[in-house]
Amino acid sequence: MRIGLDLLETERMERLLENAAFMRRAFSASEREYIQSRGGSAAQTAAGIFCAKEALAKAAGVGLIAVLRAHEIRHEDSGTPYFDIPGVSVSITHTARTAAACVLFDPGKAKF
């Protein structure tokens, strides 16, 4: 089992939400739609999703660019986030100022 962890100040993401090119590179269309639906907590949501992708890259030992383009965070009806990758678990948290994510990656089960 491998672990990836990432942390991001949400203030940084607030500025990046206005950058359409960054948003297209960092988030899938469905992720961008989900982020926009979060209203006043859009920056926290975007920061959490970005942290999850960074944590996945760290746990899997791959570059962030490969994760940004190939994998997306989805949400169960309850709001629980997940990657659609067997052998990968994710937890995301945020406050008004900081977002963090932790990913557990099982190299024996993950089809990456």
PDB file of N, CA and C in Angstrom:
ATOM      1  N   MET A   1       0.852  -1.172   0.000  1.00  0.00           N
ATOM      2  CA  MET A   1       0.000   0.000   0.000  1.00  0.00           C
ATOM      3  C   MET A   1       0.896   1.233   0.000  1.00  0.00           C
ATOM      4  N   ARG A   2       0.558   2.202  -0.829  1.00  0.00           N
ATOM      5  CA  ARG A   2       1.298   3.460  -0.882  1.00  0.00           C
ATOM      6  C   ARG A   2       0.342   4.601  -0.539  1.00  0.00           C
ATOM      7  N   ILE A   3       0.890   5.649   0.066  1.00  0.00           N
ATOM      8  CA  ILE A   3       0.086   6.791   0.499  1.00  0.00           C
ATOM      9  C   ILE A   3       0.574   8.051  -0.197  1.00  0.00           C
ATOM     10  N   GLY A   4      -0.380   8.872  -0.640  1.00  0.00           N
ATOM     11  CA  GLY A   4      -0.071  10.192  -1.171  1.00  0.00           C
ATOM     12  C   GLY A   4      -0.860  11.224  -0.392  1.00  0.00           C
ATOM     13  N   LEU A   5      -0.252  12.357  -0.122  1.00  0.00           N
ATOM     14  CA  LEU A   5      -0.885  13.418   0.646  1.00  0.00           C
ATOM     15  C   LEU A   5      -0.572  14.752  -0.007  1.00  0.00           C
ATOM     16  N   ASP A   6      -1.560  15.642  -0.052  1.00  0.00           N
ATOM     17  CA  ASP A   6      -1.314  16.972  -0.596  1.00  0.00           C
ATOM     18  C   ASP A   6      -2.125  17.998   0.173  1.00  0.00           C
ATOM     19  N   LEU A   7      -1.624  19.217   0.203  1.00  0.00           N
ATOM     20  CA  LEU A   7      -2.217  20.325   0.932  1.00  0.00           C
ATOM     21  C   LEU A   7      -2.105  21.572   0.064  1.00  0.00           C
ATOM     22  N   LEU A   8      -3.152  22.412   0.069  1.00  0.00           N
ATOM     23  CA  LEU A   8      -3.166  23.610  -0.771  1.00  0.00           C
ATOM     24  C   LEU A   8      -3.948  24.718  -0.083  1.00  0.00           C
ATOM     25  N   GLU A   9      -3.425  25.931  -0.126  1.00  0.00           N
ATOM     26  CA  GLU A   9      -4.162  27.072   0.393  1.00  0.00           C
ATOM     27  C   GLU A   9      -5.249  27.446  -0.612  1.00  0.00           C
ATOM     28  N   THR A  10      -6.470  27.581  -0.147  1.00  0.00           N
ATOM     29  CA  THR A  10      -7.592  27.828  -1.057  1.00  0.00           C
ATOM     30  C   THR A  10      -7.510  29.202  -1.709  1.00  0.00           C
ATOM     31  N   GLU A  11      -6.832  30.141  -1.085  1.00  0.00           N
ATOM     32  CA  GLU A  11      -6.670  31.478  -1.679  1.00  0.00           C
ATOM     33  C   GLU A  11      -5.995  31.381  -3.050  1.00  0.00           C
ATOM     34  N   ARG A  12      -5.047  30.488  -3.159  1.00  0.00           N
ATOM     35  CA  ARG A  12      -4.368  30.278  -4.448  1.00  0.00           C
ATOM     36  C   ARG A  12      -5.359  29.793  -5.505  1.00  0.00           C
ATOM     37  N   MET A  13      -6.245  28.886  -5.111  1.00  0.00           N
ATOM     38  CA  MET A  13      -7.224  28.350  -6.050  1.00  0.00           C
ATOM     39  C   MET A  13      -8.257  29.404  -6.430  1.00  0.00           C
ATOM     40  N   GLU A  14      -8.594  30.316  -5.525  1.00  0.00           N
ATOM     41  CA  GLU A  14      -9.542  31.385  -5.848  1.00  0.00           C
ATOM     42  C   GLU A  14      -9.081  32.155  -7.079  1.00  0.00           C
ATOM     43  N   ARG A  15      -7.785  32.454  -7.146  1.00  0.00           N
ATOM     44  CA  ARG A  15      -7.240  33.172  -8.308  1.00  0.00           C
ATOM     45  C   ARG A  15      -7.289  32.303  -9.562  1.00  0.00           C
ATOM     46  N   LEU A  16      -7.015  31.021  -9.406  1.00  0.00           N
ATOM     47  CA  LEU A  16      -6.965  30.121 -10.562  1.00  0.00           C
ATOM     48  C   LEU A  16      -8.342  29.811 -11.137  1.00  0.00           C
ATOM     49  N   LEU A  17      -9.401  29.967 -10.355  1.00  0.00           N
ATOM     50  CA  LEU A  17     -10.754  29.722 -10.864  1.00  0.00           C
ATOM     51  C   LEU A  17     -11.087  30.629 -12.038  1.00  0.00           C
ATOM     52  N   GLU A  18     -10.452  31.789 -12.098  1.00  0.00           N
ATOM     53  CA  GLU A  18     -10.693  32.748 -13.184  1.00  0.00           C
ATOM     54  C   GLU A  18      -9.878  32.439 -14.435  1.00  0.00           C
ATOM     55  N   ASN A  19      -8.959  31.505 -14.347  1.00  0.00           N
ATOM     56  CA  ASN A  19      -8.077  31.151 -15.456  1.00  0.00           C
ATOM     57  C   ASN A  19      -8.668  29.959 -16.213  1.00  0.00           C
ATOM     58  N   ALA A  20      -9.357  30.240 -17.319  1.00  0.00           N
ATOM     59  CA  ALA A  20     -10.061  29.187 -18.068  1.00  0.00           C
ATOM     60  C   ALA A  20      -9.114  28.111 -18.587  1.00  0.00           C
ATOM     61  N   ALA A  21      -7.932  28.495 -19.021  1.00  0.00           N
ATOM     62  CA  ALA A  21      -6.975  27.509 -19.533  1.00  0.00           C
ATOM     63  C   ALA A  21      -6.537  26.555 -18.422  1.00  0.00           C
ATOM     64  N   PHE A  22      -6.253  27.095 -17.241  1.00  0.00           N
ATOM     65  CA  PHE A  22      -5.890  26.237 -16.113  1.00  0.00           C
ATOM     66  C   PHE A  22      -7.037  25.299 -15.766  1.00  0.00           C
ATOM     67  N   MET A  23      -8.238  25.832 -15.701  1.00  0.00           N
ATOM     68  CA  MET A  23      -9.391  25.013 -15.332  1.00  0.00           C
ATOM     69  C   MET A  23      -9.579  23.849 -16.301  1.00  0.00           C
ATOM     70  N   ARG A  24      -9.387  24.081 -17.600  1.00  0.00           N
ATOM     71  CA  ARG A  24      -9.517  23.004 -18.590  1.00  0.00           C
ATOM     72  C   ARG A  24      -8.398  21.976 -18.441  1.00  0.00           C
ATOM     73  N   ARG A  25      -7.189  22.431 -18.100  1.00  0.00           N
ATOM     74  CA  ARG A  25      -6.059  21.508 -17.931  1.00  0.00           C
ATOM     75  C   ARG A  25      -6.176  20.685 -16.651  1.00  0.00           C
ATOM     76  N   ALA A  26      -6.672  21.301 -15.590  1.00  0.00           N
ATOM     77  CA  ALA A  26      -6.656  20.656 -14.278  1.00  0.00           C
ATOM     78  C   ALA A  26      -7.886  19.812 -13.973  1.00  0.00           C
ATOM     79  N   PHE A  27      -9.027  20.154 -14.595  1.00  0.00           N
ATOM     80  CA  PHE A  27     -10.283  19.505 -14.228  1.00  0.00           C
ATOM     81  C   PHE A  27     -11.049  19.046 -15.465  1.00  0.00           C
ATOM     82  N   SER A  28     -11.712  17.909 -15.331  1.00  0.00           N
ATOM     83  CA  SER A  28     -12.567  17.412 -16.419  1.00  0.00           C
ATOM     84  C   SER A  28     -13.818  18.299 -16.509  1.00  0.00           C
ATOM     85  N   ALA A  29     -14.575  18.133 -17.567  1.00  0.00           N
ATOM     86  CA  ALA A  29     -15.804  18.915 -17.736  1.00  0.00           C
ATOM     87  C   ALA A  29     -16.771  18.667 -16.578  1.00  0.00           C
ATOM     88  N   SER A  30     -16.905  17.421 -16.144  1.00  0.00           N
ATOM     89  CA  SER A  30     -17.826  17.138 -15.044  1.00  0.00           C
ATOM     90  C   SER A  30     -17.296  17.701 -13.720  1.00  0.00           C
ATOM     91  N   GLU A  31     -15.988  17.703 -13.532  1.00  0.00           N
ATOM     92  CA  GLU A  31     -15.423  18.320 -12.327  1.00  0.00           C
ATOM     93  C   GLU A  31     -15.657  19.825 -12.333  1.00  0.00           C
ATOM     94  N   ARG A  32     -15.459  20.463 -13.482  1.00  0.00           N
ATOM     95  CA  ARG A  32     -15.698  21.917 -13.572  1.00  0.00           C
ATOM     96  C   ARG A  32     -17.154  22.235 -13.282  1.00  0.00           C
ATOM     97  N   GLU A  33     -18.061  21.424 -13.770  1.00  0.00           N
ATOM     98  CA  GLU A  33     -19.491  21.614 -13.510  1.00  0.00           C
ATOM     99  C   GLU A  33     -19.785  21.469 -12.012  1.00  0.00           C
ATOM    100  N   TYR A  34     -19.184  20.454 -11.388  1.00  0.00           N
ATOM    101  CA  TYR A  34     -19.385  20.239  -9.958  1.00  0.00           C
ATOM    102  C   TYR A  34     -18.836  21.426  -9.164  1.00  0.00           C
ATOM    103  N   ILE A  35     -17.660  21.887  -9.514  1.00  0.00           N
ATOM    104  CA  ILE A  35     -17.040  23.027  -8.827  1.00  0.00           C
ATOM    105  C   ILE A  35     -17.941  24.257  -8.935  1.00  0.00           C
ATOM    106  N   GLN A  36     -18.435  24.541 -10.125  1.00  0.00           N
ATOM    107  CA  GLN A  36     -19.309  25.705 -10.327  1.00  0.00           C
ATOM    108  C   GLN A  36     -20.598  25.586  -9.524  1.00  0.00           C
ATOM    109  N   SER A  37     -21.067  24.369  -9.321  1.00  0.00           N
ATOM    110  CA  SER A  37     -22.317  24.158  -8.580  1.00  0.00           C
ATOM    111  C   SER A  37     -22.160  24.427  -7.085  1.00  0.00           C
ATOM    112  N   ARG A  38     -20.923  24.552  -6.609  1.00  0.00           N
ATOM    113  CA  ARG A  38     -20.670  24.708  -5.184  1.00  0.00           C
ATOM    114  C   ARG A  38     -20.768  26.157  -4.708  1.00  0.00           C
ATOM    115  N   GLY A  39     -21.022  27.083  -5.617  1.00  0.00           N
ATOM    116  CA  GLY A  39     -21.241  28.475  -5.246  1.00  0.00           C
ATOM    117  C   GLY A  39     -20.088  29.072  -4.477  1.00  0.00           C
ATOM    118  N   GLY A  40     -20.365  29.576  -3.271  1.00  0.00           N
ATOM    119  CA  GLY A  40     -19.366  30.247  -2.455  1.00  0.00           C
ATOM    120  C   GLY A  40     -18.227  29.361  -1.982  1.00  0.00           C
ATOM    121  N   SER A  41     -18.388  28.057  -2.074  1.00  0.00           N
ATOM    122  CA  SER A  41     -17.301  27.165  -1.667  1.00  0.00           C
ATOM    123  C   SER A  41     -16.593  26.545  -2.875  1.00  0.00           C
ATOM    124  N   ALA A  42     -16.721  27.185  -4.042  1.00  0.00           N
ATOM    125  CA  ALA A  42     -16.103  26.663  -5.264  1.00  0.00           C
ATOM    126  C   ALA A  42     -14.584  26.547  -5.131  1.00  0.00           C
ATOM    127  N   ALA A  43     -13.939  27.542  -4.540  1.00  0.00           N
ATOM    128  CA  ALA A  43     -12.476  27.496  -4.406  1.00  0.00           C
ATOM    129  C   ALA A  43     -12.046  26.350  -3.501  1.00  0.00           C
ATOM    130  N   GLN A  44     -12.764  26.141  -2.410  1.00  0.00           N
ATOM    131  CA  GLN A  44     -12.429  25.036  -1.505  1.00  0.00           C
ATOM    132  C   GLN A  44     -12.624  23.698  -2.206  1.00  0.00           C
ATOM    133  N   THR A  45     -13.710  23.585  -2.958  1.00  0.00           N
ATOM    134  CA  THR A  45     -13.993  22.342  -3.680  1.00  0.00           C
ATOM    135  C   THR A  45     -12.923  22.080  -4.729  1.00  0.00           C
ATOM    136  N   ALA A  46     -12.590  23.091  -5.516  1.00  0.00           N
ATOM    137  CA  ALA A  46     -11.557  22.937  -6.551  1.00  0.00           C
ATOM    138  C   ALA A  46     -10.215  22.580  -5.928  1.00  0.00           C
ATOM    139  N   ALA A  47      -9.880  23.242  -4.831  1.00  0.00           N
ATOM    140  CA  ALA A  47      -8.611  22.950  -4.164  1.00  0.00           C
ATOM    141  C   ALA A  47      -8.585  21.509  -3.661  1.00  0.00           C
ATOM    142  N   GLY A  48      -9.695  21.030  -3.115  1.00  0.00           N
ATOM    143  CA  GLY A  48      -9.754  19.655  -2.635  1.00  0.00           C
ATOM    144  C   GLY A  48      -9.587  18.642  -3.759  1.00  0.00           C
ATOM    145  N   ILE A  49     -10.245  18.883  -4.880  1.00  0.00           N
ATOM    146  CA  ILE A  49     -10.129  17.978  -6.025  1.00  0.00           C
ATOM    147  C   ILE A  49      -8.704  17.995  -6.570  1.00  0.00           C
ATOM    148  N   PHE A  50      -8.118  19.188  -6.663  1.00  0.00           N
ATOM    149  CA  PHE A  50      -6.747  19.289  -7.151  1.00  0.00           C
ATOM    150  C   PHE A  50      -5.795  18.550  -6.211  1.00  0.00           C
ATOM    151  N   CYS A  51      -5.977  18.713  -4.914  1.00  0.00           N
ATOM    152  CA  CYS A  51      -5.155  17.994  -3.931  1.00  0.00           C
ATOM    153  C   CYS A  51      -5.282  16.487  -4.108  1.00  0.00           C
ATOM    154  N   ALA A  52      -6.486  16.014  -4.370  1.00  0.00           N
ATOM    155  CA  ALA A  52      -6.691  14.574  -4.554  1.00  0.00           C
ATOM    156  C   ALA A  52      -5.901  14.064  -5.755  1.00  0.00           C
ATOM    157  N   LYS A  53      -5.887  14.834  -6.837  1.00  0.00           N
ATOM    158  CA  LYS A  53      -5.131  14.423  -8.019  1.00  0.00           C
ATOM    159  C   LYS A  53      -3.633  14.439  -7.742  1.00  0.00           C
ATOM    160  N   GLU A  54      -3.174  15.460  -7.037  1.00  0.00           N
ATOM    161  CA  GLU A  54      -1.755  15.534  -6.670  1.00  0.00           C
ATOM    162  C   GLU A  54      -1.385  14.371  -5.748  1.00  0.00           C
ATOM    163  N   ALA A  55      -2.238  14.061  -4.795  1.00  0.00           N
ATOM    164  CA  ALA A  55      -1.983  12.943  -3.882  1.00  0.00           C
ATOM    165  C   ALA A  55      -1.962  11.618  -4.633  1.00  0.00           C
ATOM    166  N   LEU A  56      -2.833  11.458  -5.617  1.00  0.00           N
ATOM    167  CA  LEU A  56      -2.832  10.246  -6.432  1.00  0.00           C
ATOM    168  C   LEU A  56      -1.521  10.122  -7.201  1.00  0.00           C
ATOM    169  N   ALA A  57      -1.068  11.210  -7.793  1.00  0.00           N
ATOM    170  CA  ALA A  57       0.200  11.182  -8.533  1.00  0.00           C
ATOM    171  C   ALA A  57       1.349  10.777  -7.613  1.00  0.00           C
ATOM    172  N   LYS A  58       1.367  11.321  -6.400  1.00  0.00           N
ATOM    173  CA  LYS A  58       2.420  10.989  -5.439  1.00  0.00           C
ATOM    174  C   LYS A  58       2.357   9.520  -5.035  1.00  0.00           C
ATOM    175  N   ALA A  59       1.172   9.030  -4.740  1.00  0.00           N
ATOM    176  CA  ALA A  59       1.023   7.641  -4.308  1.00  0.00           C
ATOM    177  C   ALA A  59       1.362   6.659  -5.425  1.00  0.00           C
ATOM    178  N   ALA A  60       0.980   7.004  -6.645  1.00  0.00           N
ATOM    179  CA  ALA A  60       1.214   6.107  -7.780  1.00  0.00           C
ATOM    180  C   ALA A  60       2.624   6.237  -8.341  1.00  0.00           C
ATOM    181  N   GLY A  61       3.307   7.335  -7.980  1.00  0.00           N
ATOM    182  CA  GLY A  61       4.657   7.540  -8.483  1.00  0.00           C
ATOM    183  C   GLY A  61       4.689   7.954  -9.940  1.00  0.00           C
ATOM    184  N   VAL A  62       3.683   8.733 -10.344  1.00  0.00           N
ATOM    185  CA  VAL A  62       3.610   9.220 -11.727  1.00  0.00           C
ATOM    186  C   VAL A  62       3.556  10.744 -11.716  1.00  0.00           C
ATOM    187  N   GLY A  63       3.702  11.342 -12.879  1.00  0.00           N
ATOM    188  CA  GLY A  63       3.636  12.788 -12.985  1.00  0.00           C
ATOM    189  C   GLY A  63       2.221  13.317 -12.846  1.00  0.00           C
ATOM    190  N   LEU A  64       2.106  14.513 -12.307  1.00  0.00           N
ATOM    191  CA  LEU A  64       0.794  15.132 -12.105  1.00  0.00           C
ATOM    192  C   LEU A  64       0.049  15.319 -13.417  1.00  0.00           C
ATOM    193  N   ILE A  65       0.745  15.681 -14.484  1.00  0.00           N
ATOM    194  CA  ILE A  65       0.084  15.920 -15.777  1.00  0.00           C
ATOM    195  C   ILE A  65      -0.680  14.679 -16.229  1.00  0.00           C
ATOM    196  N   ALA A  66      -0.094  13.507 -16.043  1.00  0.00           N
ATOM    197  CA  ALA A  66      -0.770  12.265 -16.436  1.00  0.00           C
ATOM    198  C   ALA A  66      -2.055  12.067 -15.656  1.00  0.00           C
ATOM    199  N   VAL A  67      -2.062  12.420 -14.381  1.00  0.00           N
ATOM    200  CA  VAL A  67      -3.257  12.263 -13.549  1.00  0.00           C
ATOM    201  C   VAL A  67      -4.307  13.296 -13.915  1.00  0.00           C
ATOM    202  N   LEU A  68      -3.895  14.547 -14.117  1.00  0.00           N
ATOM    203  CA  LEU A  68      -4.857  15.610 -14.432  1.00  0.00           C
ATOM    204  C   LEU A  68      -5.692  15.265 -15.652  1.00  0.00           C
ATOM    205  N   ARG A  69      -5.072  14.703 -16.648  1.00  0.00           N
ATOM    206  CA  ARG A  69      -5.772  14.439 -17.913  1.00  0.00           C
ATOM    207  C   ARG A  69      -6.500  13.100 -17.946  1.00  0.00           C
ATOM    208  N   ALA A  70      -6.076  12.174 -17.111  1.00  0.00           N
ATOM    209  CA  ALA A  70      -6.605  10.812 -17.234  1.00  0.00           C
ATOM    210  C   ALA A  70      -7.607  10.406 -16.162  1.00  0.00           C
ATOM    211  N   HIS A  71      -7.603  11.089 -15.037  1.00  0.00           N
ATOM    212  CA  HIS A  71      -8.437  10.634 -13.927  1.00  0.00           C
ATOM    213  C   HIS A  71      -9.231  11.782 -13.338  1.00  0.00           C
ATOM    214  N   GLU A  72     -10.451  11.475 -12.952  1.00  0.00           N
ATOM    215  CA  GLU A  72     -11.284  12.520 -12.369  1.00  0.00           C
ATOM    216  C   GLU A  72     -11.880  12.057 -11.050  1.00  0.00           C
ATOM    217  N   ILE A  73     -12.178  13.042 -10.227  1.00  0.00           N
ATOM    218  CA  ILE A  73     -12.891  12.781  -8.980  1.00  0.00           C
ATOM    219  C   ILE A  73     -14.378  12.759  -9.299  1.00  0.00           C
ATOM    220  N   ARG A  74     -15.029  11.743  -8.833  1.00  0.00           N
ATOM    221  CA  ARG A  74     -16.488  11.640  -8.944  1.00  0.00           C
ATOM    222  C   ARG A  74     -17.050  11.654  -7.534  1.00  0.00           C
ATOM    223  N   HIS A  75     -18.364  11.779  -7.430  1.00  0.00           N
ATOM    224  CA  HIS A  75     -18.996  11.833  -6.107  1.00  0.00           C
ATOM    225  C   HIS A  75     -20.191  10.895  -6.060  1.00  0.00           C
ATOM    226  N   GLU A  76     -20.267  10.146  -4.967  1.00  0.00           N
ATOM    227  CA  GLU A  76     -21.448   9.323  -4.722  1.00  0.00           C
ATOM    228  C   GLU A  76     -22.613  10.254  -4.400  1.00  0.00           C
ATOM    229  N   ASP A  77     -23.823   9.725  -4.386  1.00  0.00           N
ATOM    230  CA  ASP A  77     -24.992  10.544  -4.054  1.00  0.00           C
ATOM    231  C   ASP A  77     -24.850  11.220  -2.693  1.00  0.00           C
ATOM    232  N   SER A  78     -24.133  10.588  -1.799  1.00  0.00           N
ATOM    233  CA  SER A  78     -23.920  11.141  -0.458  1.00  0.00           C
ATOM    234  C   SER A  78     -22.902  12.280  -0.452  1.00  0.00           C
ATOM    235  N   GLY A  79     -22.199  12.470  -1.572  1.00  0.00           N
ATOM    236  CA  GLY A  79     -21.164  13.496  -1.661  1.00  0.00           C
ATOM    237  C   GLY A  79     -19.763  12.951  -1.474  1.00  0.00           C
ATOM    238  N   THR A  80     -19.636  11.677  -1.115  1.00  0.00           N
ATOM    239  CA  THR A  80     -18.328  11.062  -0.902  1.00  0.00           C
ATOM    240  C   THR A  80     -17.538  11.033  -2.209  1.00  0.00           C
ATOM    241  N   PRO A  81     -16.308  11.564  -2.193  1.00  0.00           N
ATOM    242  CA  PRO A  81     -15.505  11.561  -3.421  1.00  0.00           C
ATOM    243  C   PRO A  81     -14.842  10.206  -3.661  1.00  0.00           C
ATOM    244  N   TYR A  82     -14.594   9.916  -4.940  1.00  0.00           N
ATOM    245  CA  TYR A  82     -13.864   8.701  -5.269  1.00  0.00           C
ATOM    246  C   TYR A  82     -13.233   8.833  -6.646  1.00  0.00           C
ATOM    247  N   PHE A  83     -12.163   8.076  -6.850  1.00  0.00           N
ATOM    248  CA  PHE A  83     -11.580   7.884  -8.178  1.00  0.00           C
ATOM    249  C   PHE A  83     -12.153   6.584  -8.711  1.00  0.00           C
ATOM    250  N   ASP A  84     -12.430   6.506  -9.971  1.00  0.00           N
ATOM    251  CA  ASP A  84     -12.942   5.277 -10.575  1.00  0.00           C
ATOM    252  C   ASP A  84     -11.758   4.385 -10.977  1.00  0.00           C
ATOM    253  N   ILE A  85     -10.945   4.047  -9.970  1.00  0.00           N
ATOM    254  CA  ILE A  85      -9.758   3.222 -10.175  1.00  0.00           C
ATOM    255  C   ILE A  85      -9.755   2.153  -9.087  1.00  0.00           C
ATOM    256  N   PRO A  86      -9.818   0.879  -9.460  1.00  0.00           N
ATOM    257  CA  PRO A  86      -9.742  -0.166  -8.442  1.00  0.00           C
ATOM    258  C   PRO A  86      -8.445  -0.052  -7.650  1.00  0.00           C
ATOM    259  N   GLY A  87      -8.511  -0.283  -6.344  1.00  0.00           N
ATOM    260  CA  GLY A  87      -7.316  -0.239  -5.518  1.00  0.00           C
ATOM    261  C   GLY A  87      -6.904   1.145  -5.074  1.00  0.00           C
ATOM    262  N   VAL A  88      -7.779   2.141  -5.279  1.00  0.00           N
ATOM    263  CA  VAL A  88      -7.478   3.519  -4.882  1.00  0.00           C
ATOM    264  C   VAL A  88      -8.608   4.048  -4.005  1.00  0.00           C
ATOM    265  N   SER A  89      -8.225   4.600  -2.853  1.00  0.00           N
ATOM    266  CA  SER A  89      -9.183   5.255  -1.958  1.00  0.00           C
ATOM    267  C   SER A  89      -8.731   6.685  -1.758  1.00  0.00           C
ATOM    268  N   VAL A  90      -9.703   7.590  -1.592  1.00  0.00           N
ATOM    269  CA  VAL A  90      -9.367   9.011  -1.431  1.00  0.00           C
ATOM    270  C   VAL A  90     -10.210   9.626  -0.319  1.00  0.00           C
ATOM    271  N   SER A  91      -9.600  10.557   0.386  1.00  0.00           N
ATOM    272  CA  SER A  91     -10.298  11.360   1.382  1.00  0.00           C
ATOM    273  C   SER A  91      -9.906  12.812   1.141  1.00  0.00           C
ATOM    274  N   ILE A  92     -10.900  13.690   1.091  1.00  0.00           N
ATOM    275  CA  ILE A  92     -10.676  15.112   0.864  1.00  0.00           C
ATOM    276  C   ILE A  92     -11.284  15.890   2.025  1.00  0.00           C
ATOM    277  N   THR A  93     -10.584  16.921   2.469  1.00  0.00           N
ATOM    278  CA  THR A  93     -11.114  17.804   3.505  1.00  0.00           C
ATOM    279  C   THR A  93     -10.700  19.233   3.183  1.00  0.00           C
ATOM    280  N   HIS A  94     -11.458  20.183   3.687  1.00  0.00           N
ATOM    281  CA  HIS A  94     -11.058  21.577   3.510  1.00  0.00           C
ATOM    282  C   HIS A  94     -11.696  22.463   4.566  1.00  0.00           C
ATOM    283  N   THR A  95     -11.020  23.579   4.785  1.00  0.00           N
ATOM    284  CA  THR A  95     -11.556  24.656   5.596  1.00  0.00           C
ATOM    285  C   THR A  95     -11.666  25.858   4.654  1.00  0.00           C
ATOM    286  N   ALA A  96     -12.006  27.003   5.175  1.00  0.00           N
ATOM    287  CA  ALA A  96     -12.072  28.203   4.337  1.00  0.00           C
ATOM    288  C   ALA A  96     -10.693  28.553   3.770  1.00  0.00           C
ATOM    289  N   ARG A  97      -9.621  28.145   4.438  1.00  0.00           N
ATOM    290  CA  ARG A  97      -8.275  28.543   4.030  1.00  0.00           C
ATOM    291  C   ARG A  97      -7.416  27.449   3.425  1.00  0.00           C
ATOM    292  N   THR A  98      -7.715  26.197   3.728  1.00  0.00           N
ATOM    293  CA  THR A  98      -6.827  25.102   3.343  1.00  0.00           C
ATOM    294  C   THR A  98      -7.634  23.892   2.882  1.00  0.00           C
ATOM    295  N   ALA A  99      -7.097  23.208   1.875  1.00  0.00           N
ATOM    296  CA  ALA A  99      -7.669  21.939   1.423  1.00  0.00           C
ATOM    297  C   ALA A  99      -6.579  20.879   1.506  1.00  0.00           C
ATOM    298  N   ALA A 100      -6.994  19.651   1.742  1.00  0.00           N
ATOM    299  CA  ALA A 100      -6.049  18.541   1.818  1.00  0.00           C
ATOM    300  C   ALA A 100      -6.713  17.278   1.296  1.00  0.00           C
ATOM    301  N   ALA A 101      -5.885  16.375   0.805  1.00  0.00           N
ATOM    302  CA  ALA A 101      -6.385  15.077   0.356  1.00  0.00           C
ATOM    303  C   ALA A 101      -5.343  14.009   0.647  1.00  0.00           C
ATOM    304  N   CYS A 102      -5.841  12.832   0.930  1.00  0.00           N
ATOM    305  CA  CYS A 102      -5.002  11.661   1.170  1.00  0.00           C
ATOM    306  C   CYS A 102      -5.499  10.549   0.251  1.00  0.00           C
ATOM    307  N   VAL A 103      -4.561   9.874  -0.397  1.00  0.00           N
ATOM    308  CA  VAL A 103      -4.902   8.768  -1.293  1.00  0.00           C
ATOM    309  C   VAL A 103      -4.147   7.528  -0.856  1.00  0.00           C
ATOM    310  N   LEU A 104      -4.865   6.416  -0.758  1.00  0.00           N
ATOM    311  CA  LEU A 104      -4.258   5.112  -0.546  1.00  0.00           C
ATOM    312  C   LEU A 104      -4.259   4.402  -1.889  1.00  0.00           C
ATOM    313  N   PHE A 105      -3.111   3.898  -2.273  1.00  0.00           N
ATOM    314  CA  PHE A 105      -2.926   3.297  -3.585  1.00  0.00           C
ATOM    315  C   PHE A 105      -2.342   1.910  -3.400  1.00  0.00           C
ATOM    316  N   ASP A 106      -3.045   0.895  -3.849  1.00  0.00           N
ATOM    317  CA  ASP A 106      -2.581  -0.484  -3.765  1.00  0.00           C
ATOM    318  C   ASP A 106      -2.037  -0.882  -5.128  1.00  0.00           C
ATOM    319  N   PRO A 107      -0.713  -0.915  -5.310  1.00  0.00           N
ATOM    320  CA  PRO A 107      -0.147  -1.216  -6.619  1.00  0.00           C
ATOM    321  C   PRO A 107      -0.530  -2.597  -7.151  1.00  0.00           C
ATOM    322  N   GLY A 108      -0.863  -3.514  -6.242  1.00  0.00           N
ATOM    323  CA  GLY A 108      -1.265  -4.852  -6.674  1.00  0.00           C
ATOM    324  C   GLY A 108      -2.681  -4.910  -7.250  1.00  0.00           C
ATOM    325  N   LYS A 109      -3.508  -3.924  -6.916  1.00  0.00           N
ATOM    326  CA  LYS A 109      -4.906  -3.909  -7.362  1.00  0.00           C
ATOM    327  C   LYS A 109      -5.207  -2.790  -8.356  1.00  0.00           C
ATOM    328  N   ALA A 110      -4.468  -1.693  -8.268  1.00  0.00           N
ATOM    329  CA  ALA A 110      -4.769  -0.515  -9.079  1.00  0.00           C
ATOM    330  C   ALA A 110      -4.405  -0.752 -10.537  1.00  0.00           C
ATOM    331  N   LYS A 111      -5.360  -0.497 -11.407  1.00  0.00           N
ATOM    332  CA  LYS A 111      -5.147  -0.564 -12.852  1.00  0.00           C
ATOM    333  C   LYS A 111      -4.947   0.868 -13.315  1.00  0.00           C
ATOM    334  N   PHE A 112      -3.712   1.294 -13.351  1.00  0.00           N
ATOM    335  CA  PHE A 112      -3.409   2.698 -13.582  1.00  0.00           C
ATOM    336  C   PHE A 112      -2.962   2.944 -14.997  1.00  0.00           C
TER     337      PHE A 112
END
